[in-house]
Amino acid sequence: MSEFKRAKILVDGVVQGVGFRYFVYRNALSLNLKGYTKNLMNGKVLTEVEGELGLINELINNLKVGPPHAHVSNCVVEWLPFKNEFNSFEVRYY
């Protein structure tokens, strides 16, 4: 039986202006995860995602590498209870 979880993922480094959010978006869609990703004013990228635990872990491993022009210096994950709050995955601009 699959375990469903929610994760708040905060990625730091050279992660803005390098296509990082769209990298997250493409990876999350391919893994059938739901949630969002957005840039923060402090230069970090925040992703909140829900889905199967194993698939979220796969996404986290991908985010630790990032797209070609990114440089990830830190990736912090906060695990939360599954809420089934999202209908899709999106890039947010606010």
PDB file of N, CA and C in Angstrom:
ATOM      1  N   MET A   1       0.837  -1.186   0.000  1.00  0.00           N
ATOM      2  CA  MET A   1       0.000   0.000   0.000  1.00  0.00           C
ATOM      3  C   MET A   1       0.888   1.258   0.000  1.00  0.00           C
ATOM      4  N   SER A   2       0.525   2.220  -0.798  1.00  0.00           N
ATOM      5  CA  SER A   2       1.301   3.452  -0.912  1.00  0.00           C
ATOM      6  C   SER A   2       1.015   4.391   0.247  1.00  0.00           C
ATOM      7  N   GLU A   3       2.057   5.078   0.667  1.00  0.00           N
ATOM      8  CA  GLU A   3       1.899   6.089   1.701  1.00  0.00           C
ATOM      9  C   GLU A   3       1.910   7.463   1.035  1.00  0.00           C
ATOM     10  N   PHE A   4       0.891   8.254   1.287  1.00  0.00           N
ATOM     11  CA  PHE A   4       0.802   9.595   0.718  1.00  0.00           C
ATOM     12  C   PHE A   4       1.239  10.618   1.747  1.00  0.00           C
ATOM     13  N   LYS A   5       2.056  11.570   1.304  1.00  0.00           N
ATOM     14  CA  LYS A   5       2.617  12.586   2.192  1.00  0.00           C
ATOM     15  C   LYS A   5       2.552  13.949   1.515  1.00  0.00           C
ATOM     16  N   ARG A   6       2.919  14.939   2.289  1.00  0.00           N
ATOM     17  CA  ARG A   6       3.072  16.309   1.802  1.00  0.00           C
ATOM     18  C   ARG A   6       4.471  16.757   2.232  1.00  0.00           C
ATOM     19  N   ALA A   7       5.144  17.503   1.352  1.00  0.00           N
ATOM     20  CA  ALA A   7       6.472  18.002   1.685  1.00  0.00           C
ATOM     21  C   ALA A   7       6.581  19.465   1.294  1.00  0.00           C
ATOM     22  N   LYS A   8       7.230  20.226   2.157  1.00  0.00           N
ATOM     23  CA  LYS A   8       7.601  21.606   1.859  1.00  0.00           C
ATOM     24  C   LYS A   8       9.109  21.579   1.632  1.00  0.00           C
ATOM     25  N   ILE A   9       9.523  21.950   0.416  1.00  0.00           N
ATOM     26  CA  ILE A   9      10.926  21.835   0.017  1.00  0.00           C
ATOM     27  C   ILE A   9      11.471  23.229  -0.266  1.00  0.00           C
ATOM     28  N   LEU A  10      12.538  23.596   0.415  1.00  0.00           N
ATOM     29  CA  LEU A  10      13.160  24.900   0.250  1.00  0.00           C
ATOM     30  C   LEU A  10      14.560  24.696  -0.320  1.00  0.00           C
ATOM     31  N   VAL A  11      14.771  25.225  -1.530  1.00  0.00           N
ATOM     32  CA  VAL A  11      16.044  25.033  -2.221  1.00  0.00           C
ATOM     33  C   VAL A  11      16.776  26.367  -2.287  1.00  0.00           C
ATOM     34  N   ASP A  12      18.061  26.330  -1.937  1.00  0.00           N
ATOM     35  CA  ASP A  12      18.893  27.533  -1.893  1.00  0.00           C
ATOM     36  C   ASP A  12      20.087  27.340  -2.817  1.00  0.00           C
ATOM     37  N   GLY A  13      20.635  28.451  -3.284  1.00  0.00           N
ATOM     38  CA  GLY A  13      21.790  28.437  -4.168  1.00  0.00           C
ATOM     39  C   GLY A  13      21.516  29.331  -5.366  1.00  0.00           C
ATOM     40  N   VAL A  14      22.089  28.997  -6.513  1.00  0.00           N
ATOM     41  CA  VAL A  14      21.793  29.705  -7.756  1.00  0.00           C
ATOM     42  C   VAL A  14      20.593  28.994  -8.365  1.00  0.00           C
ATOM     43  N   VAL A  15      19.397  29.426  -7.943  1.00  0.00           N
ATOM     44  CA  VAL A  15      18.173  28.724  -8.331  1.00  0.00           C
ATOM     45  C   VAL A  15      17.109  29.651  -8.918  1.00  0.00           C
ATOM     46  N   GLN A  16      17.441  30.920  -9.070  1.00  0.00           N
ATOM     47  CA  GLN A  16      16.519  31.842  -9.733  1.00  0.00           C
ATOM     48  C   GLN A  16      17.174  32.374 -11.000  1.00  0.00           C
ATOM     49  N   GLY A  17      16.361  32.496 -12.054  1.00  0.00           N
ATOM     50  CA  GLY A  17      16.883  32.970 -13.327  1.00  0.00           C
ATOM     51  C   GLY A  17      17.590  31.897 -14.138  1.00  0.00           C
ATOM     52  N   VAL A  18      17.431  30.644 -13.743  1.00  0.00           N
ATOM     53  CA  VAL A  18      18.108  29.537 -14.439  1.00  0.00           C
ATOM     54  C   VAL A  18      17.123  28.439 -14.864  1.00  0.00           C
ATOM     55  N   GLY A  19      15.825  28.743 -14.831  1.00  0.00           N
ATOM     56  CA  GLY A  19      14.813  27.764 -15.230  1.00  0.00           C
ATOM     57  C   GLY A  19      14.491  26.732 -14.166  1.00  0.00           C
ATOM     58  N   PHE A  20      14.798  27.050 -12.911  1.00  0.00           N
ATOM     59  CA  PHE A  20      14.610  26.064 -11.846  1.00  0.00           C
ATOM     60  C   PHE A  20      13.139  25.720 -11.624  1.00  0.00           C
ATOM     61  N   ARG A  21      12.268  26.740 -11.596  1.00  0.00           N
ATOM     62  CA  ARG A  21      10.842  26.457 -11.356  1.00  0.00           C
ATOM     63  C   ARG A  21      10.266  25.552 -12.434  1.00  0.00           C
ATOM     64  N   TYR A  22      10.684  25.765 -13.684  1.00  0.00           N
ATOM     65  CA  TYR A  22      10.155  24.935 -14.770  1.00  0.00           C
ATOM     66  C   TYR A  22      10.743  23.539 -14.732  1.00  0.00           C
ATOM     67  N   PHE A  23      11.951  23.418 -14.231  1.00  0.00           N
ATOM     68  CA  PHE A  23      12.558  22.114 -13.976  1.00  0.00           C
ATOM     69  C   PHE A  23      11.725  21.364 -12.922  1.00  0.00           C
ATOM     70  N   VAL A  24      11.362  22.062 -11.854  1.00  0.00           N
ATOM     71  CA  VAL A  24      10.512  21.466 -10.813  1.00  0.00           C
ATOM     72  C   VAL A  24       9.174  21.055 -11.421  1.00  0.00           C
ATOM     73  N   TYR A  25       8.571  21.954 -12.184  1.00  0.00           N
ATOM     74  CA  TYR A  25       7.271  21.717 -12.806  1.00  0.00           C
ATOM     75  C   TYR A  25       7.289  20.455 -13.674  1.00  0.00           C
ATOM     76  N   ARG A  26       8.266  20.362 -14.566  1.00  0.00           N
ATOM     77  CA  ARG A  26       8.353  19.201 -15.465  1.00  0.00           C
ATOM     78  C   ARG A  26       8.559  17.904 -14.672  1.00  0.00           C
ATOM     79  N   ASN A  27       9.417  17.947 -13.662  1.00  0.00           N
ATOM     80  CA  ASN A  27       9.664  16.754 -12.843  1.00  0.00           C
ATOM     81  C   ASN A  27       8.413  16.345 -12.063  1.00  0.00           C
ATOM     82  N   ALA A  28       7.743  17.315 -11.457  1.00  0.00           N
ATOM     83  CA  ALA A  28       6.539  17.015 -10.671  1.00  0.00           C
ATOM     84  C   ALA A  28       5.445  16.427 -11.558  1.00  0.00           C
ATOM     85  N   LEU A  29       5.264  16.987 -12.755  1.00  0.00           N
ATOM     86  CA  LEU A  29       4.248  16.453 -13.674  1.00  0.00           C
ATOM     87  C   LEU A  29       4.573  15.027 -14.079  1.00  0.00           C
ATOM     88  N   SER A  30       5.844  14.764 -14.381  1.00  0.00           N
ATOM     89  CA  SER A  30       6.228  13.427 -14.818  1.00  0.00           C
ATOM     90  C   SER A  30       6.043  12.398 -13.701  1.00  0.00           C
ATOM     91  N   LEU A  31       6.089  12.846 -12.449  1.00  0.00           N
ATOM     92  CA  LEU A  31       5.903  11.960 -11.297  1.00  0.00           C
ATOM     93  C   LEU A  31       4.461  11.945 -10.785  1.00  0.00           C
ATOM     94  N   ASN A  32       3.589  12.689 -11.470  1.00  0.00           N
ATOM     95  CA  ASN A  32       2.170  12.778 -11.099  1.00  0.00           C
ATOM     96  C   ASN A  32       1.981  13.327  -9.681  1.00  0.00           C
ATOM     97  N   LEU A  33       2.803  14.319  -9.330  1.00  0.00           N
ATOM     98  CA  LEU A  33       2.682  14.980  -8.030  1.00  0.00           C
ATOM     99  C   LEU A  33       1.875  16.258  -8.195  1.00  0.00           C
ATOM    100  N   LYS A  34       1.278  16.696  -7.109  1.00  0.00           N
ATOM    101  CA  LYS A  34       0.443  17.896  -7.146  1.00  0.00           C
ATOM    102  C   LYS A  34       0.973  18.918  -6.141  1.00  0.00           C
ATOM    103  N   GLY A  35       0.817  20.204  -6.475  1.00  0.00           N
ATOM    104  CA  GLY A  35       1.274  21.263  -5.593  1.00  0.00           C
ATOM    105  C   GLY A  35       1.698  22.474  -6.387  1.00  0.00           C
ATOM    106  N   TYR A  36       2.754  23.145  -5.929  1.00  0.00           N
ATOM    107  CA  TYR A  36       3.221  24.346  -6.616  1.00  0.00           C
ATOM    108  C   TYR A  36       4.696  24.589  -6.309  1.00  0.00           C
ATOM    109  N   THR A  37       5.278  25.478  -7.103  1.00  0.00           N
ATOM    110  CA  THR A  37       6.635  25.958  -6.862  1.00  0.00           C
ATOM    111  C   THR A  37       6.652  27.450  -7.128  1.00  0.00           C
ATOM    112  N   LYS A  38       7.478  28.194  -6.385  1.00  0.00           N
ATOM    113  CA  LYS A  38       7.568  29.636  -6.607  1.00  0.00           C
ATOM    114  C   LYS A  38       8.899  30.165  -6.092  1.00  0.00           C
ATOM    115  N   ASN A  39       9.322  31.287  -6.676  1.00  0.00           N
ATOM    116  CA  ASN A  39      10.494  32.004  -6.189  1.00  0.00           C
ATOM    117  C   ASN A  39      10.134  32.767  -4.932  1.00  0.00           C
ATOM    118  N   LEU A  40      11.076  32.871  -4.011  1.00  0.00           N
ATOM    119  CA  LEU A  40      10.903  33.693  -2.815  1.00  0.00           C
ATOM    120  C   LEU A  40      11.775  34.934  -2.940  1.00  0.00           C
ATOM    121  N   MET A  41      11.432  35.965  -2.214  1.00  0.00           N
ATOM    122  CA  MET A  41      12.170  37.234  -2.260  1.00  0.00           C
ATOM    123  C   MET A  41      13.618  37.077  -1.785  1.00  0.00           C
ATOM    124  N   ASN A  42      13.907  36.053  -0.987  1.00  0.00           N
ATOM    125  CA  ASN A  42      15.258  35.850  -0.453  1.00  0.00           C
ATOM    126  C   ASN A  42      16.158  35.061  -1.406  1.00  0.00           C
ATOM    127  N   GLY A  43      15.691  34.799  -2.635  1.00  0.00           N
ATOM    128  CA  GLY A  43      16.502  34.102  -3.626  1.00  0.00           C
ATOM    129  C   GLY A  43      16.341  32.589  -3.638  1.00  0.00           C
ATOM    130  N   LYS A  44      15.530  32.059  -2.729  1.00  0.00           N
ATOM    131  CA  LYS A  44      15.292  30.620  -2.665  1.00  0.00           C
ATOM    132  C   LYS A  44      14.068  30.244  -3.493  1.00  0.00           C
ATOM    133  N   VAL A  45      13.900  28.956  -3.728  1.00  0.00           N
ATOM    134  CA  VAL A  45      12.707  28.445  -4.403  1.00  0.00           C
ATOM    135  C   VAL A  45      11.977  27.527  -3.433  1.00  0.00           C
ATOM    136  N   LEU A  46      10.677  27.788  -3.259  1.00  0.00           N
ATOM    137  CA  LEU A  46       9.820  26.989  -2.388  1.00  0.00           C
ATOM    138  C   LEU A  46       8.944  26.091  -3.248  1.00  0.00           C
ATOM    139  N   THR A  47       8.880  24.826  -2.870  1.00  0.00           N
ATOM    140  CA  THR A  47       7.980  23.880  -3.524  1.00  0.00           C
ATOM    141  C   THR A  47       7.180  23.175  -2.442  1.00  0.00           C
ATOM    142  N   GLU A  48       5.856  23.149  -2.618  1.00  0.00           N
ATOM    143  CA  GLU A  48       5.002  22.339  -1.750  1.00  0.00           C
ATOM    144  C   GLU A  48       4.361  21.305  -2.637  1.00  0.00           C
ATOM    145  N   VAL A  49       4.459  20.053  -2.216  1.00  0.00           N
ATOM    146  CA  VAL A  49       4.035  18.962  -3.082  1.00  0.00           C
ATOM    147  C   VAL A  49       3.351  17.875  -2.270  1.00  0.00           C
ATOM    148  N   GLU A  50       2.387  17.221  -2.904  1.00  0.00           N
ATOM    149  CA  GLU A  50       1.703  16.089  -2.288  1.00  0.00           C
ATOM    150  C   GLU A  50       1.699  14.911  -3.261  1.00  0.00           C
ATOM    151  N   GLY A  51       1.758  13.722  -2.697  1.00  0.00           N
ATOM    152  CA  GLY A  51       1.700  12.514  -3.506  1.00  0.00           C
ATOM    153  C   GLY A  51       2.320  11.341  -2.774  1.00  0.00           C
ATOM    154  N   GLU A  52       2.662  10.306  -3.547  1.00  0.00           N
ATOM    155  CA  GLU A  52       3.281   9.118  -2.973  1.00  0.00           C
ATOM    156  C   GLU A  52       4.654   9.455  -2.407  1.00  0.00           C
ATOM    157  N   LEU A  53       4.938   8.941  -1.241  1.00  0.00           N
ATOM    158  CA  LEU A  53       6.197   9.208  -0.556  1.00  0.00           C
ATOM    159  C   LEU A  53       7.409   8.916  -1.444  1.00  0.00           C
ATOM    160  N   GLY A  54       7.418   7.776  -2.097  1.00  0.00           N
ATOM    161  CA  GLY A  54       8.546   7.407  -2.946  1.00  0.00           C
ATOM    162  C   GLY A  54       8.749   8.367  -4.104  1.00  0.00           C
ATOM    163  N   LEU A  55       7.647   8.852  -4.675  1.00  0.00           N
ATOM    164  CA  LEU A  55       7.732   9.789  -5.794  1.00  0.00           C
ATOM    165  C   LEU A  55       8.203  11.165  -5.327  1.00  0.00           C
ATOM    166  N   ILE A  56       7.781  11.574  -4.134  1.00  0.00           N
ATOM    167  CA  ILE A  56       8.266  12.839  -3.576  1.00  0.00           C
ATOM    168  C   ILE A  56       9.772  12.741  -3.326  1.00  0.00           C
ATOM    169  N   ASN A  57      10.220  11.613  -2.810  1.00  0.00           N
ATOM    170  CA  ASN A  57      11.659  11.428  -2.593  1.00  0.00           C
ATOM    171  C   ASN A  57      12.434  11.480  -3.907  1.00  0.00           C
ATOM    172  N   GLU A  58      11.845  10.946  -4.970  1.00  0.00           N
ATOM    173  CA  GLU A  58      12.483  11.016  -6.292  1.00  0.00           C
ATOM    174  C   GLU A  58      12.586  12.476  -6.751  1.00  0.00           C
ATOM    175  N   LEU A  59      11.518  13.251  -6.537  1.00  0.00           N
ATOM    176  CA  LEU A  59      11.548  14.672  -6.881  1.00  0.00           C
ATOM    177  C   LEU A  59      12.636  15.390  -6.085  1.00  0.00           C
ATOM    178  N   ILE A  60      12.711  15.129  -4.793  1.00  0.00           N
ATOM    179  CA  ILE A  60      13.720  15.768  -3.939  1.00  0.00           C
ATOM    180  C   ILE A  60      15.124  15.469  -4.449  1.00  0.00           C
ATOM    181  N   ASN A  61      15.381  14.233  -4.824  1.00  0.00           N
ATOM    182  CA  ASN A  61      16.700  13.876  -5.362  1.00  0.00           C
ATOM    183  C   ASN A  61      17.003  14.654  -6.636  1.00  0.00           C
ATOM    184  N   ASN A  62      16.002  14.847  -7.489  1.00  0.00           N
ATOM    185  CA  ASN A  62      16.184  15.632  -8.712  1.00  0.00           C
ATOM    186  C   ASN A  62      16.439  17.103  -8.393  1.00  0.00           C
ATOM    187  N   LEU A  63      15.743  17.637  -7.394  1.00  0.00           N
ATOM    188  CA  LEU A  63      15.898  19.053  -7.041  1.00  0.00           C
ATOM    189  C   LEU A  63      17.272  19.325  -6.444  1.00  0.00           C
ATOM    190  N   LYS A  64      17.859  18.344  -5.799  1.00  0.00           N
ATOM    191  CA  LYS A  64      19.200  18.520  -5.233  1.00  0.00           C
ATOM    192  C   LYS A  64      20.251  18.708  -6.326  1.00  0.00           C
ATOM    193  N   VAL A  65      19.938  18.258  -7.541  1.00  0.00           N
ATOM    194  CA  VAL A  65      20.831  18.423  -8.690  1.00  0.00           C
ATOM    195  C   VAL A  65      20.433  19.671  -9.483  1.00  0.00           C
ATOM    196  N   GLY A  66      19.145  19.799  -9.812  1.00  0.00           N
ATOM    197  CA  GLY A  66      18.641  20.953 -10.541  1.00  0.00           C
ATOM    198  C   GLY A  66      18.968  20.912 -12.020  1.00  0.00           C
ATOM    199  N   PRO A  67      18.517  21.947 -12.754  1.00  0.00           N
ATOM    200  CA  PRO A  67      18.806  22.043 -14.184  1.00  0.00           C
ATOM    201  C   PRO A  67      20.263  22.444 -14.421  1.00  0.00           C
ATOM    202  N   PRO A  68      20.732  22.404 -15.680  1.00  0.00           N
ATOM    203  CA  PRO A  68      22.152  22.620 -15.982  1.00  0.00           C
ATOM    204  C   PRO A  68      22.781  23.901 -15.428  1.00  0.00           C
ATOM    205  N   HIS A  69      22.096  25.032 -15.446  1.00  0.00           N
ATOM    206  CA  HIS A  69      22.720  26.291 -15.032  1.00  0.00           C
ATOM    207  C   HIS A  69      22.503  26.627 -13.549  1.00  0.00           C
ATOM    208  N   ALA A  70      21.816  25.749 -12.844  1.00  0.00           N
ATOM    209  CA  ALA A  70      21.586  25.956 -11.408  1.00  0.00           C
ATOM    210  C   ALA A  70      22.747  25.383 -10.605  1.00  0.00           C
ATOM    211  N   HIS A  71      22.871  25.891  -9.395  1.00  0.00           N
ATOM    212  CA  HIS A  71      23.812  25.322  -8.427  1.00  0.00           C
ATOM    213  C   HIS A  71      23.087  25.278  -7.080  1.00  0.00           C
ATOM    214  N   VAL A  72      22.707  24.081  -6.669  1.00  0.00           N
ATOM    215  CA  VAL A  72      21.969  23.905  -5.417  1.00  0.00           C
ATOM    216  C   VAL A  72      22.965  23.769  -4.275  1.00  0.00           C
ATOM    217  N   SER A  73      22.878  24.693  -3.311  1.00  0.00           N
ATOM    218  CA  SER A  73      23.772  24.631  -2.160  1.00  0.00           C
ATOM    219  C   SER A  73      23.103  23.993  -0.943  1.00  0.00           C
ATOM    220  N   ASN A  74      21.757  24.012  -0.908  1.00  0.00           N
ATOM    221  CA  ASN A  74      21.052  23.440   0.240  1.00  0.00           C
ATOM    222  C   ASN A  74      19.631  23.088  -0.171  1.00  0.00           C
ATOM    223  N   CYS A  75      19.131  21.988   0.375  1.00  0.00           N
ATOM    224  CA  CYS A  75      17.757  21.550   0.120  1.00  0.00           C
ATOM    225  C   CYS A  75      17.186  21.066   1.447  1.00  0.00           C
ATOM    226  N   VAL A  76      16.226  21.807   1.969  1.00  0.00           N
ATOM    227  CA  VAL A  76      15.626  21.485   3.271  1.00  0.00           C
ATOM    228  C   VAL A  76      14.199  20.991   3.035  1.00  0.00           C
ATOM    229  N   VAL A  77      13.873  19.854   3.634  1.00  0.00           N
ATOM    230  CA  VAL A  77      12.553  19.248   3.459  1.00  0.00           C
ATOM    231  C   VAL A  77      11.840  19.184   4.794  1.00  0.00           C
ATOM    232  N   GLU A  78      10.615  19.668   4.802  1.00  0.00           N
ATOM    233  CA  GLU A  78       9.746  19.542   5.980  1.00  0.00           C
ATOM    234  C   GLU A  78       8.594  18.629   5.582  1.00  0.00           C
ATOM    235  N   TRP A  79       8.471  17.505   6.274  1.00  0.00           N
ATOM    236  CA  TRP A  79       7.403  16.547   5.986  1.00  0.00           C
ATOM    237  C   TRP A  79       6.145  16.930   6.763  1.00  0.00           C
ATOM    238  N   LEU A  80       5.017  16.888   6.071  1.00  0.00           N
ATOM    239  CA  LEU A  80       3.739  17.280   6.648  1.00  0.00           C
ATOM    240  C   LEU A  80       2.684  16.216   6.334  1.00  0.00           C
ATOM    241  N   PRO A  81       1.573  16.234   7.059  1.00  0.00           N
ATOM    242  CA  PRO A  81       0.499  15.274   6.757  1.00  0.00           C
ATOM    243  C   PRO A  81      -0.132  15.567   5.394  1.00  0.00           C
ATOM    244  N   PHE A  82      -0.534  14.527   4.707  1.00  0.00           N
ATOM    245  CA  PHE A  82      -1.213  14.635   3.419  1.00  0.00           C
ATOM    246  C   PHE A  82      -2.578  15.292   3.624  1.00  0.00           C
ATOM    247  N   LYS A  83      -2.877  16.320   2.818  1.00  0.00           N
ATOM    248  CA  LYS A  83      -4.155  17.037   2.932  1.00  0.00           C
ATOM    249  C   LYS A  83      -5.030  16.889   1.691  1.00  0.00           C
ATOM    250  N   ASN A  84      -4.456  16.396   0.589  1.00  0.00           N
ATOM    251  CA  ASN A  84      -5.168  16.301  -0.686  1.00  0.00           C
ATOM    252  C   ASN A  84      -5.717  17.669  -1.093  1.00  0.00           C
ATOM    253  N   GLU A  85      -4.885  18.689  -0.947  1.00  0.00           N
ATOM    254  CA  GLU A  85      -5.294  20.076  -1.153  1.00  0.00           C
ATOM    255  C   GLU A  85      -5.201  20.542  -2.606  1.00  0.00           C
ATOM    256  N   PHE A  86      -4.344  19.915  -3.411  1.00  0.00           N
ATOM    257  CA  PHE A  86      -4.050  20.410  -4.755  1.00  0.00           C
ATOM    258  C   PHE A  86      -4.695  19.540  -5.831  1.00  0.00           C
ATOM    259  N   ASN A  87      -5.114  20.189  -6.931  1.00  0.00           N
ATOM    260  CA  ASN A  87      -5.697  19.467  -8.061  1.00  0.00           C
ATOM    261  C   ASN A  87      -4.692  19.214  -9.172  1.00  0.00           C
ATOM    262  N   SER A  88      -3.610  19.993  -9.174  1.00  0.00           N
ATOM    263  CA  SER A  88      -2.607  19.899 -10.236  1.00  0.00           C
ATOM    264  C   SER A  88      -1.285  20.425  -9.678  1.00  0.00           C
ATOM    265  N   PHE A  89      -0.303  20.568 -10.556  1.00  0.00           N
ATOM    266  CA  PHE A  89       0.952  21.194 -10.159  1.00  0.00           C
ATOM    267  C   PHE A  89       1.103  22.467 -10.973  1.00  0.00           C
ATOM    268  N   GLU A  90       1.541  23.562 -10.320  1.00  0.00           N
ATOM    269  CA  GLU A  90       1.639  24.832 -11.020  1.00  0.00           C
ATOM    270  C   GLU A  90       2.845  25.633 -10.574  1.00  0.00           C
ATOM    271  N   VAL A  91       3.241  26.556 -11.444  1.00  0.00           N
ATOM    272  CA  VAL A  91       4.256  27.548 -11.110  1.00  0.00           C
ATOM    273  C   VAL A  91       3.510  28.784 -10.647  1.00  0.00           C
ATOM    274  N   ARG A  92       3.836  29.256  -9.471  1.00  0.00           N
ATOM    275  CA  ARG A  92       3.185  30.469  -8.943  1.00  0.00           C
ATOM    276  C   ARG A  92       4.136  31.644  -9.077  1.00  0.00           C
ATOM    277  N   TYR A  93       3.555  32.801  -9.288  1.00  0.00           N
ATOM    278  CA  TYR A  93       4.353  34.019  -9.509  1.00  0.00           C
ATOM    279  C   TYR A  93       4.153  35.046  -8.394  1.00  0.00           C
ATOM    280  N   TYR A  94       3.519  34.653  -7.307  1.00  0.00           N
ATOM    281  CA  TYR A  94       3.254  35.584  -6.198  1.00  0.00           C
ATOM    282  C   TYR A  94       3.595  34.952  -4.880  1.00  0.00           C
TER     283      TYR A  94
END
